[in-house]
N, C-alpha and C. Protein backbone atom coordinates (compact mmCIF):
# COMPACT_ATOMS: atom_id res chain seq x y z
N UNK A 1 8.81 -1.74 34.77
CA UNK A 1 8.47 -0.93 33.56
C UNK A 1 8.51 0.14 33.82
N UNK A 2 8.95 1.24 32.96
CA UNK A 2 9.18 2.94 32.79
C UNK A 2 7.10 3.31 32.18
N UNK A 3 6.77 4.30 33.10
CA UNK A 3 5.61 4.96 32.15
C UNK A 3 6.03 5.90 31.31
N UNK A 4 6.78 5.89 30.94
CA UNK A 4 7.03 7.03 30.25
C UNK A 4 6.73 6.32 28.58
N UNK A 5 5.87 7.27 27.64
CA UNK A 5 5.36 7.06 26.59
C UNK A 5 6.70 6.42 24.39
N UNK A 6 6.39 5.19 25.08
CA UNK A 6 7.88 5.10 23.81
C UNK A 6 7.22 5.56 22.23
N UNK A 7 7.85 6.29 21.69
CA UNK A 7 7.76 7.38 20.46
C UNK A 7 8.73 6.37 19.03
N UNK A 8 8.80 7.52 18.00
CA UNK A 8 9.32 6.55 17.62
C UNK A 8 10.32 7.59 16.99
N UNK A 9 9.95 8.74 16.97
CA UNK A 9 11.15 9.61 17.10
C UNK A 9 12.74 9.06 18.02
N UNK A 10 13.54 9.96 17.72
CA UNK A 10 15.17 9.48 17.84
C UNK A 10 15.94 10.34 17.65
N UNK A 11 15.91 11.35 19.31
CA UNK A 11 16.88 12.32 19.66
C UNK A 11 17.83 12.03 18.75
N UNK A 12 18.36 11.06 18.72
CA UNK A 12 20.03 10.76 18.43
C UNK A 12 20.07 10.76 17.43
N UNK A 13 19.38 10.67 16.41
CA UNK A 13 20.23 10.65 14.63
C UNK A 13 19.64 12.61 14.42
N UNK A 14 21.23 12.16 13.14
CA UNK A 14 21.29 13.51 13.01
C UNK A 14 20.40 13.66 11.48
N UNK A 15 19.62 14.54 10.87
CA UNK A 15 19.01 14.60 10.02
C UNK A 15 19.13 13.26 8.61
N UNK A 16 20.37 13.10 8.40
CA UNK A 16 20.59 12.15 7.72
C UNK A 16 20.10 10.87 7.77
N UNK A 17 20.22 9.96 9.17
CA UNK A 17 20.41 9.13 9.14
C UNK A 17 19.16 9.39 9.81
N UNK A 18 18.72 10.09 10.03
CA UNK A 18 17.16 9.42 9.68
C UNK A 18 15.97 9.69 8.47
N UNK A 19 16.93 10.91 7.27
CA UNK A 19 15.96 10.41 6.02
C UNK A 19 16.59 8.74 5.82
N UNK A 20 18.52 8.06 5.99
CA UNK A 20 18.39 6.65 5.53
C UNK A 20 17.20 5.42 5.85
N UNK A 21 17.25 6.53 7.74
CA UNK A 21 16.34 5.50 7.84
C UNK A 21 14.61 5.39 7.71
N UNK A 22 14.37 5.98 7.08
CA UNK A 22 12.63 6.42 5.94
C UNK A 22 13.34 5.20 4.87
N UNK A 23 14.34 5.59 4.53
CA UNK A 23 14.90 4.79 3.45
C UNK A 23 14.65 3.88 2.99
N UNK A 24 15.21 3.16 3.83
CA UNK A 24 15.03 1.42 4.59
C UNK A 24 13.30 1.01 4.76
N UNK A 25 13.00 1.96 6.02
CA UNK A 25 12.51 0.99 6.50
C UNK A 25 10.42 1.27 4.99
N UNK A 26 10.97 2.07 4.38
CA UNK A 26 10.16 2.29 3.13
C UNK A 26 10.88 1.01 2.54
N UNK A 27 12.28 1.26 2.06
CA UNK A 27 12.15 -0.34 0.45
C UNK A 27 11.66 -1.64 1.62
N UNK A 28 12.04 -1.47 3.20
CA UNK A 28 11.40 -3.26 3.30
C UNK A 28 9.97 -3.55 3.47
N UNK A 29 8.54 -2.65 3.91
CA UNK A 29 7.42 -2.54 3.56
C UNK A 29 7.50 -2.58 1.64
N UNK A 30 7.88 -2.08 0.91
CA UNK A 30 8.14 -2.29 -0.29
C UNK A 30 8.38 -4.02 -0.59
N UNK A 31 9.42 -4.18 -0.18
CA UNK A 31 10.33 -5.60 -0.48
C UNK A 31 8.31 -6.99 0.23
N UNK A 32 7.80 -6.33 0.86
CA UNK A 32 6.54 -7.30 2.21
C UNK A 32 5.39 -7.46 0.93
N UNK A 33 5.81 -5.97 0.33
CA UNK A 33 4.25 -5.88 -0.77
C UNK A 33 4.72 -6.44 -1.92
N UNK A 34 4.88 -6.22 -2.81
CA UNK A 34 5.93 -7.20 -3.96
C UNK A 34 5.31 -7.85 -4.07
N UNK A 35 6.06 -9.07 -3.38
CA UNK A 35 6.77 -9.78 -4.50
C UNK A 35 5.07 -10.97 -4.10
N UNK A 36 3.62 -10.75 -2.80
CA UNK A 36 2.73 -10.86 -3.14
C UNK A 36 1.85 -10.71 -4.65
N UNK A 37 2.32 -8.81 -4.47
CA UNK A 37 1.49 -8.27 -5.26
C UNK A 37 1.91 -8.98 -7.16
N UNK A 38 3.10 -9.13 -6.63
CA UNK A 38 3.58 -10.35 -8.14
C UNK A 38 3.16 -11.30 -8.54
N UNK A 39 3.52 -11.74 -7.10
CA UNK A 39 1.83 -13.58 -7.44
C UNK A 39 0.90 -13.17 -7.68
N UNK A 40 0.17 -12.28 -7.53
CA UNK A 40 -1.36 -12.44 -7.19
C UNK A 40 -1.78 -11.79 -9.10
N UNK A 41 -0.89 -10.92 -9.69
CA UNK A 41 -0.72 -10.29 -11.27
C UNK A 41 -0.78 -11.44 -11.61
N UNK A 42 0.55 -13.13 -10.92
CA UNK A 42 1.16 -14.00 -12.20
C UNK A 42 -0.79 -14.66 -11.85
N UNK A 43 -1.08 -14.77 -11.15
CA UNK A 43 -2.31 -16.46 -11.03
C UNK A 43 -3.28 -15.03 -11.91
N UNK A 44 -3.50 -13.65 -11.57
CA UNK A 44 -4.53 -12.94 -12.84
C UNK A 44 -4.30 -12.96 -14.38
N UNK A 45 -3.25 -13.08 -14.23
CA UNK A 45 -2.57 -13.53 -15.43
C UNK A 45 -2.86 -14.80 -16.08
N UNK A 46 -3.21 -15.87 -15.84
CA UNK A 46 -3.14 -17.14 -15.83
C UNK A 46 -4.43 -17.58 -16.34
N UNK A 47 -6.03 -16.60 -15.31
CA UNK A 47 -6.96 -16.74 -15.46
C UNK A 47 -7.65 -17.14 -16.54
N UNK A 48 -7.07 -15.43 -17.29
CA UNK A 48 -7.45 -15.70 -19.06
C UNK A 48 -7.60 -16.87 -20.23
N UNK A 49 -6.08 -18.08 -19.86
CA UNK A 49 -6.11 -18.62 -19.82
C UNK A 49 -6.50 -20.28 -20.41
N UNK A 50 -7.37 -20.15 -19.06
CA UNK A 50 -8.66 -20.97 -18.55
C UNK A 50 -9.31 -21.28 -19.25
N UNK A 51 -10.17 -22.43 -19.73
CA UNK A 51 -10.94 -22.38 -21.30
C UNK A 51 -12.72 -22.50 -20.47
N UNK A 52 -13.00 -22.50 -19.09
CA UNK A 52 -13.71 -21.83 -18.50
C UNK A 52 -14.19 -20.63 -18.71
N UNK A 53 -13.12 -20.10 -18.10
CA UNK A 53 -13.34 -18.74 -18.06
C UNK A 53 -14.35 -17.38 -19.65
N UNK A 54 -13.93 -18.43 -20.32
CA UNK A 54 -14.46 -17.95 -22.07
C UNK A 54 -15.64 -17.62 -21.71
N UNK A 55 -16.11 -19.19 -21.00
CA UNK A 55 -17.88 -19.22 -20.71
C UNK A 55 -18.48 -18.14 -19.64
N UNK A 56 -17.21 -17.33 -19.57
CA UNK A 56 -18.23 -16.01 -18.69
C UNK A 56 -19.22 -16.15 -18.38
N UNK A 57 -19.71 -14.98 -18.14
CA UNK A 57 -20.88 -13.93 -18.47
C UNK A 57 -19.61 -11.93 -18.54
N UNK A 58 -20.15 -11.12 -19.14
CA UNK A 58 -19.38 -10.03 -19.09
C UNK A 58 -19.19 -9.67 -18.06
N UNK A 59 -20.23 -9.61 -17.01
CA UNK A 59 -19.81 -8.51 -15.61
C UNK A 59 -18.08 -9.61 -15.55
N UNK A 60 -18.28 -10.85 -15.20
CA UNK A 60 -16.62 -11.42 -14.55
C UNK A 60 -15.44 -11.16 -15.39
N UNK A 61 -16.47 -10.75 -17.03
CA UNK A 61 -15.38 -10.13 -17.94
C UNK A 61 -14.70 -9.14 -17.39
N UNK A 62 -15.08 -8.43 -17.00
CA UNK A 62 -15.75 -6.83 -16.51
C UNK A 62 -14.31 -6.44 -15.07
N UNK A 63 -14.70 -7.58 -14.81
CA UNK A 63 -14.18 -6.91 -13.03
C UNK A 63 -13.15 -7.54 -13.49
N UNK A 64 -12.35 -9.04 -14.36
CA UNK A 64 -11.08 -9.15 -14.24
C UNK A 64 -9.93 -8.33 -14.91
N UNK A 65 -10.79 -8.15 -15.72
CA UNK A 65 -9.96 -6.46 -16.38
C UNK A 65 -9.83 -5.28 -15.49
N UNK A 66 -10.28 -4.97 -15.01
CA UNK A 66 -10.35 -4.18 -13.62
C UNK A 66 -9.00 -4.66 -13.13
N UNK A 67 -9.18 -5.49 -12.16
CA UNK A 67 -8.89 -6.58 -11.27
C UNK A 67 -7.04 -6.73 -12.22
N UNK A 68 -6.58 -7.48 -13.07
CA UNK A 68 -5.95 -7.52 -13.93
C UNK A 68 -4.92 -5.97 -14.39
N UNK A 69 -5.13 -4.83 -13.65
CA UNK A 69 -5.04 -3.97 -14.22
C UNK A 69 -4.95 -3.11 -13.01
N UNK A 70 -5.64 -3.09 -12.06
CA UNK A 70 -5.33 -2.73 -10.84
C UNK A 70 -4.36 -3.10 -9.99
N UNK A 71 -3.73 -5.17 -10.90
CA UNK A 71 -2.59 -5.10 -9.79
C UNK A 71 -1.39 -4.62 -11.10
N UNK A 72 -2.00 -4.30 -12.28
CA UNK A 72 -0.63 -4.28 -13.06
C UNK A 72 0.00 -2.86 -12.56
N UNK A 73 -0.83 -1.70 -12.59
CA UNK A 73 -0.80 -1.01 -11.09
C UNK A 73 -0.09 -0.99 -9.72
N UNK A 74 -0.20 -1.42 -9.49
CA UNK A 74 0.61 -1.61 -7.91
C UNK A 74 1.54 -2.47 -8.50
N UNK A 75 1.87 -3.40 -9.53
CA UNK A 75 3.43 -3.61 -9.30
C UNK A 75 4.30 -2.34 -10.13
N UNK A 76 3.57 -1.60 -10.95
CA UNK A 76 4.17 -0.76 -11.55
C UNK A 76 4.38 0.57 -10.24
N UNK A 77 4.06 0.58 -9.82
CA UNK A 77 4.34 1.19 -9.10
C UNK A 77 4.59 0.92 -7.33
N UNK A 78 5.15 0.02 -7.27
CA UNK A 78 5.90 -0.80 -6.16
C UNK A 78 6.91 -1.19 -6.81
N UNK A 79 7.42 -1.18 -7.60
CA UNK A 79 8.65 -1.08 -8.90
C UNK A 79 8.89 0.70 -9.01
N UNK A 80 8.79 0.87 -9.09
CA UNK A 80 9.01 2.59 -9.23
C UNK A 80 10.14 2.72 -8.79
N UNK A 81 9.53 2.97 -6.75
CA UNK A 81 11.24 3.53 -6.29
C UNK A 81 12.52 3.13 -6.55
N UNK A 82 12.54 2.06 -7.21
CA UNK A 82 13.61 1.69 -7.62
C UNK A 82 14.24 2.35 -9.09
N UNK A 83 13.50 2.33 -9.87
CA UNK A 83 13.94 3.65 -11.00
C UNK A 83 13.95 5.43 -10.57
N UNK A 84 13.37 5.55 -9.98
CA UNK A 84 13.35 6.54 -9.54
C UNK A 84 14.78 7.20 -8.72
N UNK A 85 15.11 5.91 -8.15
CA UNK A 85 16.52 5.47 -6.68
C UNK A 85 18.09 6.22 -7.80
N UNK A 86 17.51 4.92 -9.52
CA UNK A 86 18.34 5.09 -9.90
C UNK A 86 18.64 6.46 -10.50
N UNK A 87 17.51 7.53 -10.85
CA UNK A 87 17.72 8.71 -11.51
C UNK A 87 18.24 9.75 -10.05
N UNK A 88 17.97 9.02 -9.24
CA UNK A 88 17.89 10.56 -8.41
C UNK A 88 19.90 9.95 -7.31
N UNK A 89 20.57 8.90 -7.86
CA UNK A 89 21.39 8.19 -7.34
C UNK A 89 21.80 9.36 -7.12
N UNK A 90 22.64 9.86 -6.00
CA UNK A 90 23.97 10.43 -5.56
C UNK A 90 23.78 12.05 -5.88
N UNK A 91 22.26 12.56 -6.41
CA UNK A 91 21.93 13.83 -6.60
C UNK A 91 21.70 14.40 -5.10
N UNK A 92 22.12 14.10 -4.57
CA UNK A 92 20.99 14.97 -3.19
C UNK A 92 20.14 14.94 -2.77
N UNK A 93 19.61 13.72 -2.75
CA UNK A 93 18.27 14.72 -3.28
C UNK A 93 17.32 13.15 -2.73
N UNK A 94 17.90 12.81 -1.50
CA UNK A 94 17.63 11.95 -0.68
C UNK A 94 15.46 12.65 0.18
N UNK A 95 15.61 13.19 0.84
CA UNK A 95 14.72 13.36 0.73
C UNK A 95 13.03 13.69 -0.29
N UNK A 96 13.26 13.88 -1.09
CA UNK A 96 12.45 14.01 -2.39
C UNK A 96 12.31 12.77 -2.71
N UNK A 97 13.25 11.62 -2.17
CA UNK A 97 12.91 10.95 -3.25
C UNK A 97 12.36 9.24 -2.17
N UNK A 98 12.84 10.10 -0.49
CA UNK A 98 11.78 9.56 0.26
C UNK A 98 10.76 9.52 0.17
N UNK A 99 10.12 11.34 0.29
CA UNK A 99 8.48 11.68 -0.34
C UNK A 99 7.91 11.21 -1.65
N UNK A 100 8.99 11.09 -2.31
CA UNK A 100 8.06 10.14 -3.78
C UNK A 100 8.10 9.03 -3.19
N UNK A 101 8.06 8.03 -2.85
CA UNK A 101 8.92 6.49 -2.40
C UNK A 101 7.38 6.15 -1.56
N UNK A 102 7.07 6.92 -0.79
CA UNK A 102 6.13 6.81 0.36
C UNK A 102 4.67 7.41 -0.49
N UNK A 103 4.61 7.86 -1.16
CA UNK A 103 3.82 8.37 -2.33
C UNK A 103 3.18 7.28 -3.25
N UNK A 104 4.87 6.65 -3.65
CA UNK A 104 4.39 5.26 -4.83
C UNK A 104 3.48 4.27 -4.04
N UNK A 105 4.22 4.34 -2.65
CA UNK A 105 3.85 3.36 -1.79
C UNK A 105 2.28 3.15 -1.58
N UNK A 106 1.81 3.57 -1.49
CA UNK A 106 0.23 4.96 -0.89
C UNK A 106 0.06 4.10 -2.04
N UNK A 107 0.12 4.90 -2.91
CA UNK A 107 -0.38 4.28 -4.27
C UNK A 107 -1.24 2.77 -5.07
N UNK A 108 0.26 2.33 -4.52
CA UNK A 108 0.26 0.69 -4.94
C UNK A 108 -0.55 0.07 -4.06
N UNK A 109 -0.56 -0.11 -3.00
CA UNK A 109 -1.61 -0.26 -1.82
C UNK A 109 -2.79 0.59 -2.76
N UNK A 110 -3.49 0.66 -3.19
CA UNK A 110 -3.95 1.66 -2.54
C UNK A 110 -4.81 0.23 -4.45
N UNK A 111 -4.29 0.36 -5.43
CA UNK A 111 -4.61 -0.59 -6.22
C UNK A 111 -4.45 -1.66 -5.88
N UNK A 112 -3.50 -2.51 -4.52
CA UNK A 112 -2.99 -3.99 -3.93
C UNK A 112 -4.53 -4.28 -3.14
N UNK A 113 -5.78 -3.18 -2.89
CA UNK A 113 -6.69 -3.51 -2.31
C UNK A 113 -7.54 -3.21 -2.89
N UNK A 114 -7.72 -2.64 -4.94
CA UNK A 114 -8.57 -2.96 -5.44
C UNK A 114 -8.08 -4.37 -6.11
N UNK A 115 -6.80 -5.00 -6.25
CA UNK A 115 -6.46 -6.12 -7.01
C UNK A 115 -7.38 -7.07 -6.08
N UNK A 116 -7.25 -7.23 -4.46
CA UNK A 116 -7.32 -8.59 -3.82
C UNK A 116 -9.28 -8.01 -3.55
N UNK A 117 -9.54 -7.60 -4.00
CA UNK A 117 -11.17 -7.44 -4.14
C UNK A 117 -12.36 -7.62 -4.83
N UNK A 118 -11.59 -7.86 -6.01
CA UNK A 118 -11.20 -8.33 -7.77
C UNK A 118 -10.83 -9.66 -7.81
N UNK A 119 -10.18 -9.53 -7.56
CA UNK A 119 -9.92 -11.75 -7.15
C UNK A 119 -11.21 -11.74 -6.32
N UNK A 120 -10.73 -11.33 -4.85
CA UNK A 120 -12.71 -11.88 -3.84
C UNK A 120 -13.12 -12.23 -4.71
N UNK A 121 -14.25 -10.75 -5.60
CA UNK A 121 -15.28 -11.17 -6.41
C UNK A 121 -15.16 -11.77 -7.15
N UNK A 122 -14.00 -12.30 -7.79
CA UNK A 122 -13.66 -13.76 -9.13
C UNK A 122 -14.48 -14.77 -8.40
N UNK A 123 -13.49 -14.85 -7.38
CA UNK A 123 -13.92 -16.31 -6.56
C UNK A 123 -14.85 -16.36 -6.28
N UNK A 124 -15.81 -15.50 -5.67
CA UNK A 124 -16.90 -15.82 -4.64
C UNK A 124 -17.84 -15.90 -5.39
N UNK A 125 -18.17 -14.86 -7.03
CA UNK A 125 -18.96 -15.32 -7.64
C UNK A 125 -19.04 -16.69 -8.44
N UNK A 126 -17.96 -17.03 -8.76
CA UNK A 126 -18.46 -19.58 -9.18
C UNK A 126 -18.61 -19.21 -7.22
N UNK A 127 -18.77 -19.11 -6.71
CA UNK A 127 -19.58 -21.08 -6.01
C UNK A 127 -20.75 -19.85 -4.82
N UNK A 128 -21.05 -18.55 -5.10
CA UNK A 128 -22.41 -17.57 -3.89
C UNK A 128 -22.67 -16.81 -5.60
N UNK A 129 -23.68 -16.48 -5.11
CA UNK A 129 -24.80 -16.06 -5.60
C UNK A 129 -24.33 -14.66 -5.88
N UNK A 130 -24.78 -13.82 -6.92
CA UNK A 130 -23.04 -13.01 -6.86
C UNK A 130 -24.29 -11.76 -5.90
N UNK A 131 -25.05 -11.87 -5.73
CA UNK A 131 -25.39 -10.85 -4.71
C UNK A 131 -24.27 -10.58 -3.44
N UNK A 132 -24.70 -12.26 -2.96
CA UNK A 132 -23.93 -12.93 -1.70
C UNK A 132 -21.95 -12.23 -1.69
N UNK A 133 -21.88 -12.42 -3.12
CA UNK A 133 -20.13 -12.35 -3.80
C UNK A 133 -20.47 -10.89 -3.48
N UNK A 134 -20.66 -10.36 -3.98
CA UNK A 134 -21.11 -8.18 -3.32
C UNK A 134 -20.74 -8.00 -2.36
N UNK A 135 -21.47 -8.28 -1.44
CA UNK A 135 -21.93 -8.04 -0.25
C UNK A 135 -20.31 -8.60 0.49
N UNK A 136 -19.76 -9.71 0.75
CA UNK A 136 -18.59 -10.37 1.15
C UNK A 136 -17.60 -9.01 0.65
N UNK A 137 -17.40 -9.46 -0.59
CA UNK A 137 -16.51 -8.00 -0.40
C UNK A 137 -16.53 -6.46 -0.27
N UNK A 138 -17.57 -6.14 -0.67
CA UNK A 138 -18.15 -4.80 0.52
C UNK A 138 -16.95 -5.15 1.86
N UNK A 139 -17.08 -6.60 2.82
CA UNK A 139 -17.14 -6.55 4.40
C UNK A 139 -15.54 -6.69 3.57
N UNK A 140 -15.34 -7.41 2.78
CA UNK A 140 -13.95 -7.31 2.52
C UNK A 140 -12.85 -6.23 2.46
N UNK A 141 -13.79 -5.02 2.21
CA UNK A 141 -12.94 -3.75 1.63
C UNK A 141 -12.99 -2.83 3.18
N UNK A 142 -14.07 -2.67 3.63
CA UNK A 142 -14.11 -2.30 5.14
C UNK A 142 -13.34 -2.50 5.71
N UNK A 143 -12.74 -3.85 5.69
CA UNK A 143 -11.65 -4.39 6.62
C UNK A 143 -10.39 -4.10 6.43
N UNK A 144 -10.22 -3.58 4.74
CA UNK A 144 -9.04 -3.06 4.30
C UNK A 144 -8.94 -1.75 5.03
N UNK A 145 -10.36 -1.46 5.17
CA UNK A 145 -9.88 0.43 4.87
C UNK A 145 -9.92 0.96 6.48
N UNK A 146 -10.63 0.00 7.89
CA UNK A 146 -10.40 -0.15 8.93
C UNK A 146 -8.65 -0.28 9.59
N UNK A 147 -8.08 -0.96 9.18
CA UNK A 147 -7.12 -1.76 9.77
C UNK A 147 -5.61 -0.86 8.61
N UNK A 148 -6.01 -0.38 7.87
CA UNK A 148 -5.36 -0.04 6.76
C UNK A 148 -4.79 1.54 7.39
N UNK A 149 -6.85 2.18 6.78
CA UNK A 149 -6.81 3.79 7.48
C UNK A 149 -7.83 4.36 8.88
N UNK A 150 -8.38 3.14 9.12
CA UNK A 150 -8.97 4.24 9.94
C UNK A 150 -8.05 4.05 11.71
N UNK A 151 -7.58 2.91 11.90
CA UNK A 151 -7.15 2.46 12.92
C UNK A 151 -5.37 3.09 12.75
N UNK A 152 -5.26 3.47 12.08
CA UNK A 152 -3.48 3.99 12.16
C UNK A 152 -4.22 5.75 12.27
N UNK A 153 -5.05 6.20 11.11
CA UNK A 153 -5.10 7.68 11.75
C UNK A 153 -6.12 7.57 12.42
N UNK A 154 -6.84 6.15 13.51
CA UNK A 154 -7.48 6.97 14.95
C UNK A 154 -5.52 6.94 15.73
N UNK A 155 -5.26 6.04 15.53
CA UNK A 155 -3.29 6.57 16.62
C UNK A 155 -2.57 7.66 16.24
N UNK A 156 -2.61 8.07 15.28
CA UNK A 156 -2.29 9.37 14.62
C UNK A 156 -2.29 10.33 15.03
N UNK A 157 -4.18 10.58 15.30
CA UNK A 157 -4.56 11.68 15.97
C UNK A 157 -4.31 11.26 17.43
N UNK A 158 -4.67 10.89 18.64
CA UNK A 158 -4.73 10.49 19.34
C UNK A 158 -2.93 10.52 19.99
N UNK A 159 -2.25 10.27 19.63
CA UNK A 159 -1.05 11.13 18.96
C UNK A 159 -0.47 12.16 19.57
N UNK A 160 -1.46 12.63 18.42
CA UNK A 160 -0.86 14.40 18.03
C UNK A 160 -1.62 14.99 19.27
N UNK A 161 -2.74 14.40 19.65
CA UNK A 161 -3.34 15.58 20.25
C UNK A 161 -3.09 15.21 21.81
N UNK A 162 -2.02 13.67 22.29
CA UNK A 162 -1.33 14.05 23.20
C UNK A 162 -0.13 14.56 23.36
N UNK A 163 0.37 14.71 21.92
CA UNK A 163 1.61 15.26 21.89
C UNK A 163 2.25 16.95 22.30
N UNK A 164 2.26 16.84 23.23
CA UNK A 164 2.87 18.72 23.52
C UNK A 164 3.64 19.02 23.00
N UNK A 165 4.98 18.40 22.29
CA UNK A 165 5.15 19.15 21.40
C UNK A 165 5.43 19.83 19.68
N UNK A 166 5.43 21.29 19.99
CA UNK A 166 5.29 22.00 18.77
C UNK A 166 5.22 21.51 17.81
N UNK A 167 4.29 22.46 16.30
CA UNK A 167 4.89 21.68 14.99
C UNK A 167 4.39 20.71 14.44
N UNK A 168 4.05 20.08 13.64
CA UNK A 168 4.16 18.77 13.03
C UNK A 168 4.88 18.59 11.58
N UNK A 169 4.40 17.83 11.25
CA UNK A 169 4.89 16.92 10.03
C UNK A 169 3.00 17.09 9.16
N UNK A 170 3.60 17.31 8.33
CA UNK A 170 2.30 17.69 6.82
C UNK A 170 2.22 16.38 6.42
N UNK A 171 1.07 15.89 6.22
CA UNK A 171 1.01 14.15 6.01
C UNK A 171 1.50 13.78 4.77
N UNK A 172 1.75 13.04 4.47
CA UNK A 172 2.82 12.49 3.14
C UNK A 172 4.02 12.90 3.31
N UNK A 173 4.81 13.69 4.40
CA UNK A 173 6.03 14.35 3.89
C UNK A 173 6.64 13.84 4.62
N UNK A 174 8.14 13.10 4.46
CA UNK A 174 9.03 13.08 5.60
C UNK A 174 10.03 14.11 5.64
N UNK A 175 9.62 15.14 6.45
CA UNK A 175 10.02 16.00 6.98
C UNK A 175 11.07 15.91 8.06
N UNK A 176 12.47 14.92 7.72
CA UNK A 176 13.22 14.54 8.75
C UNK A 176 13.50 14.83 10.12
N UNK A 177 13.49 16.40 10.69
CA UNK A 177 13.24 17.05 11.09
C UNK A 177 11.92 16.35 12.48
N UNK A 178 11.22 16.61 12.15
CA UNK A 178 9.56 16.32 12.45
C UNK A 178 9.89 14.64 12.67
N UNK A 179 10.06 13.57 12.57
CA UNK A 179 10.18 12.81 13.16
C UNK A 179 10.85 11.84 13.66
């Protein structure tokens, strides 16, 4: 096994090939989260029509409303790249398309975490005392922050610190020459 560190960079790619790869990878990521988000949204839509939901207190109704809206916004952000792609198709704006899609995906992930935490809170509030349910949901949120933000940020920082190559990429921007 070689001691050479494997990197994500592919020196044999042209600028256009790199943009195409970024676009394909973003689409694959969106395919993964889109289906689950739509299923969560569908389940949330059905909750309001359950007889026992009408007897829930104001706290539960408020959490439900916020959770439903977060899921709707996540779905909208995960589907938005399709519309953006249609509007920018064959306009020579692939770099902007990749950058915008990256930002839409990040926004969708934020609303998805809110929807997941809200859904967990609604369910736990039924079976546990409210303070325990809230504490567990805070734990779930921390779990997401650690695995979705802190660990990737640490790895990115560690990689950047060990990378002796000059220059870098502005966070959130796909500079096809830098990655």
